[in-house]
Amino acid sequence: MSLGSMFITFEGIDGCGKTTQSILLAKYMSDLYGEDNVVLTREPGGTSFNELLRSVFCQFQTTRLISSQSYFYF
């Protein structure tokens, strides 16, 4: 069965289950279309640097950031 390409995103507030649902969908799609045809990623994520950047951003929810330093991330 030829499906073509799809890009599916999950949006919602913190703690609403986006990660859980995306993992469940990826498993379902992998079973249906093959593991080689499914890519699961998150923003920012996917590479070692992006995972490090993600951990820094997640840390800022509880710590204060100096505004001039925040420009270096973009």
C-alpha atoms as a PDB file:
ATOM      1  CA  MET A   1       0.000   0.000   0.000  1.00  0.00           C
ATOM      2  CA  SER A   2       1.503   3.308  -1.078  1.00  0.00           C
ATOM      3  CA  LEU A   3       0.768   5.999   1.469  1.00  0.00           C
ATOM      4  CA  GLY A   4       2.940   8.930   0.440  1.00  0.00           C
ATOM      5  CA  SER A   5       4.363  11.207   3.079  1.00  0.00           C
ATOM      6  CA  MET A   6       2.700  12.579   6.196  1.00  0.00           C
ATOM      7  CA  PHE A   7       3.854  15.019   8.838  1.00  0.00           C
ATOM      8  CA  ILE A   8       1.802  14.760  12.027  1.00  0.00           C
ATOM      9  CA  THR A   9       2.179  17.116  14.981  1.00  0.00           C
ATOM     10  CA  PHE A  10       0.721  17.083  18.465  1.00  0.00           C
ATOM     11  CA  GLU A  11       0.027  20.354  20.228  1.00  0.00           C
ATOM     12  CA  GLY A  12      -1.296  21.083  23.684  1.00  0.00           C
ATOM     13  CA  ILE A  13      -0.496  22.334  27.147  1.00  0.00           C
ATOM     14  CA  ASP A  14       2.171  20.813  29.382  1.00  0.00           C
ATOM     15  CA  GLY A  15       1.194  17.456  30.795  1.00  0.00           C
ATOM     16  CA  CYS A  16      -1.726  16.780  28.449  1.00  0.00           C
ATOM     17  CA  GLY A  17      -0.185  13.612  26.972  1.00  0.00           C
ATOM     18  CA  LYS A  18       1.443  14.760  23.722  1.00  0.00           C
ATOM     19  CA  THR A  19       4.483  12.530  24.195  1.00  0.00           C
ATOM     20  CA  THR A  20       2.387   9.522  25.187  1.00  0.00           C
ATOM     21  CA  GLN A  21       0.066   9.905  22.200  1.00  0.00           C
ATOM     22  CA  SER A  22       2.896  10.479  19.729  1.00  0.00           C
ATOM     23  CA  ILE A  23       4.694   7.336  20.945  1.00  0.00           C
ATOM     24  CA  LEU A  24       1.492   5.294  20.678  1.00  0.00           C
ATOM     25  CA  LEU A  25       0.822   6.606  17.156  1.00  0.00           C
ATOM     26  CA  ALA A  26       4.409   5.905  16.085  1.00  0.00           C
ATOM     27  CA  LYS A  27       4.131   2.312  17.346  1.00  0.00           C
ATOM     28  CA  TYR A  28       0.810   1.848  15.550  1.00  0.00           C
ATOM     29  CA  MET A  29       2.134   3.324  12.291  1.00  0.00           C
ATOM     30  CA  SER A  30       5.304   1.203  12.567  1.00  0.00           C
ATOM     31  CA  ASP A  31       3.216  -1.948  12.925  1.00  0.00           C
ATOM     32  CA  LEU A  32       1.060  -0.912   9.990  1.00  0.00           C
ATOM     33  CA  TYR A  33       3.656   0.466   7.547  1.00  0.00           C
ATOM     34  CA  GLY A  34       6.989  -0.852   8.833  1.00  0.00           C
ATOM     35  CA  GLU A  35       9.483   0.565  11.266  1.00  0.00           C
ATOM     36  CA  ASP A  36      11.678   1.969   8.480  1.00  0.00           C
ATOM     37  CA  ASN A  37       8.813   4.165   7.271  1.00  0.00           C
ATOM     38  CA  VAL A  38       8.150   6.001  10.563  1.00  0.00           C
ATOM     39  CA  VAL A  39      10.222   8.759  12.166  1.00  0.00           C
ATOM     40  CA  LEU A  40       9.390  10.031  15.656  1.00  0.00           C
ATOM     41  CA  THR A  41      11.012  13.294  16.740  1.00  0.00           C
ATOM     42  CA  ARG A  42      10.359  16.289  18.969  1.00  0.00           C
ATOM     43  CA  GLU A  43      11.184  19.985  18.938  1.00  0.00           C
ATOM     44  CA  PRO A  44      13.919  20.794  19.527  1.00  0.00           C
ATOM     45  CA  GLY A  45      15.298  17.304  19.365  1.00  0.00           C
ATOM     46  CA  GLY A  46      16.598  14.566  17.139  1.00  0.00           C
ATOM     47  CA  THR A  47      20.317  15.283  17.470  1.00  0.00           C
ATOM     48  CA  SER A  48      22.659  15.367  20.452  1.00  0.00           C
ATOM     49  CA  PHE A  49      22.972  19.158  20.249  1.00  0.00           C
ATOM     50  CA  ASN A  50      19.214  19.651  19.979  1.00  0.00           C
ATOM     51  CA  GLU A  51      18.592  17.377  22.969  1.00  0.00           C
ATOM     52  CA  LEU A  52      21.093  19.451  24.970  1.00  0.00           C
ATOM     53  CA  LEU A  53      19.351  22.640  23.827  1.00  0.00           C
ATOM     54  CA  ARG A  54      15.993  21.156  24.788  1.00  0.00           C
ATOM     55  CA  SER A  55      17.228  20.371  28.293  1.00  0.00           C
ATOM     56  CA  VAL A  56      18.453  23.960  28.647  1.00  0.00           C
ATOM     57  CA  PHE A  57      15.082  25.361  27.550  1.00  0.00           C
ATOM     58  CA  CYS A  58      13.180  23.022  29.857  1.00  0.00           C
ATOM     59  CA  GLN A  59      15.384  24.165  32.722  1.00  0.00           C
ATOM     60  CA  PHE A  60      14.370  27.810  32.136  1.00  0.00           C
ATOM     61  CA  GLN A  61      10.866  27.079  33.366  1.00  0.00           C
ATOM     62  CA  THR A  62      12.228  27.083  36.915  1.00  0.00           C
ATOM     63  CA  THR A  63      15.229  29.406  36.623  1.00  0.00           C
ATOM     64  CA  ARG A  64      15.563  33.019  35.559  1.00  0.00           C
ATOM     65  CA  LEU A  65      17.388  33.828  32.333  1.00  0.00           C
ATOM     66  CA  ILE A  66      19.343  37.015  31.742  1.00  0.00           C
ATOM     67  CA  SER A  67      17.736  38.519  28.625  1.00  0.00           C
ATOM     68  CA  SER A  68      21.037  39.286  26.862  1.00  0.00           C
ATOM     69  CA  GLN A  69      22.077  35.631  27.222  1.00  0.00           C
ATOM     70  CA  SER A  70      18.840  34.376  25.694  1.00  0.00           C
ATOM     71  CA  TYR A  71      19.717  35.938  22.317  1.00  0.00           C
ATOM     72  CA  PHE A  72      22.605  33.504  21.881  1.00  0.00           C
ATOM     73  CA  TYR A  73      20.177  30.587  21.624  1.00  0.00           C
ATOM     74  CA  PHE A  74      18.548  32.010  18.511  1.00  0.00           C
END
